Amino acid sequence: MNAPRRLWRVLAQPKIALPLLLTAGLLAAAAGLSDLPLVFERIGQIPIRLLLLTLLLAAAYLLLKAVQFHYFLHDLGIPSHWRNLSLAYAIGELTLAFPMGIYAQNYLLLRLNGSRPSRSAAATTLMLMLETAMLLFTLALTGVRGWPWLRLAAIGCLLGLIAFLALITRSHRLRRAIAGALLRLHLPVRPYLHFVRSLRILSSGAALLRHGYLTALYLAALIGAFYVIAHGVGVPQISVHESAGIYAFSLTAALLLGSVTSQLGVVEVAGMGAAHAFGFDYTEGLAMLLGFRLVWTACIWLLCLPVVLRFKRDLNASPPT
């Protein structure tokens, strides 16, 4: 009896209950706009060869992203033995769809090698910022048919993101103001200073260009997989341009709301809206987005779960001092 009560008590917490309710509401709205039985019928007809191709693209995505994370940690001088990095990274990818779930890898690195989460979190944060910047750049190029405002909005958000990164890493006045505010609120200041210092190290021009190249490659694998699944669910008329616009818009929406809700629901509803603007009906849109969600999640779990099971004993070992 205690376990169910404990579970309900956890689920009733606002920071958990509200994202769950929002996700459920978004998925219900998506289902209400489409022919749900037909959506699942389309998903069930995805050919095996396309599933295998998606698995290969998922492997490329994970490898490129892991290499980028390793380089970031190396630039910060954080020890990243391949076993510890593989375990932390795999768990981070498994929890990616949850609010702030990607930061699980930073707390696992604390457990595995004693590195400060505030330092490794700078690497994770900059990876997310690079993803968002690359997706905004994609939207500025592709646009979405019928949404003439989107290109200008994407360019504006991209410039705002660049300005924010420059301000938070280069403005000593802002840093002192935030540190003072934390002190007045009786919150720890040192983790914030470690985070900003690490973010500044990683955000030099040469480093951003090198890591931006890796970001572009693994996002290309992600969008390529979406294009493959879109064909698999019976939308052969979709183009690479349309696939890039639809998924870039949906993932940008999810990244911007990542601290508030899970990606589940946001990606589907935003993507359906973009697909409808391109001329696809809501059933086709949901079949593409939900089909990709199910197949991609299965691929990530198929590739990451064996890593977690192989190295999970390392979590019980004492971190180095």
Foldseek 3Di string as FASTA:
>chain_A
DVVVVVVVVVCPPCLNVVQVVVLVVLVVVLCVQAPVVLLVVLLVQQDPVLLVLLLVLLVLLLVLVLVQLVVLCVLVVHDCDPLLSLQLQLQLVLQQQWQVSNLSSLVSSCLQANDHSLQSVLSVVVLLLLLLLVLLVLCLVLPFAPCVCSNVVSVVVNVVSVVVLCCLQPPPVVLVVVLVVCVVVVHDNVSVVSNSPSNNSCPDPVNSVVSSVSSVVSVVSVLVSLLSQLVSSPNVVDDSSLSSNLQSQQVSQCSVCSNRHGSNSSSQNSSLVRVVSNPDRSSSSNSSRVSSVVSSSVSSCVPSVVSCVVSVVSSVDGHDD
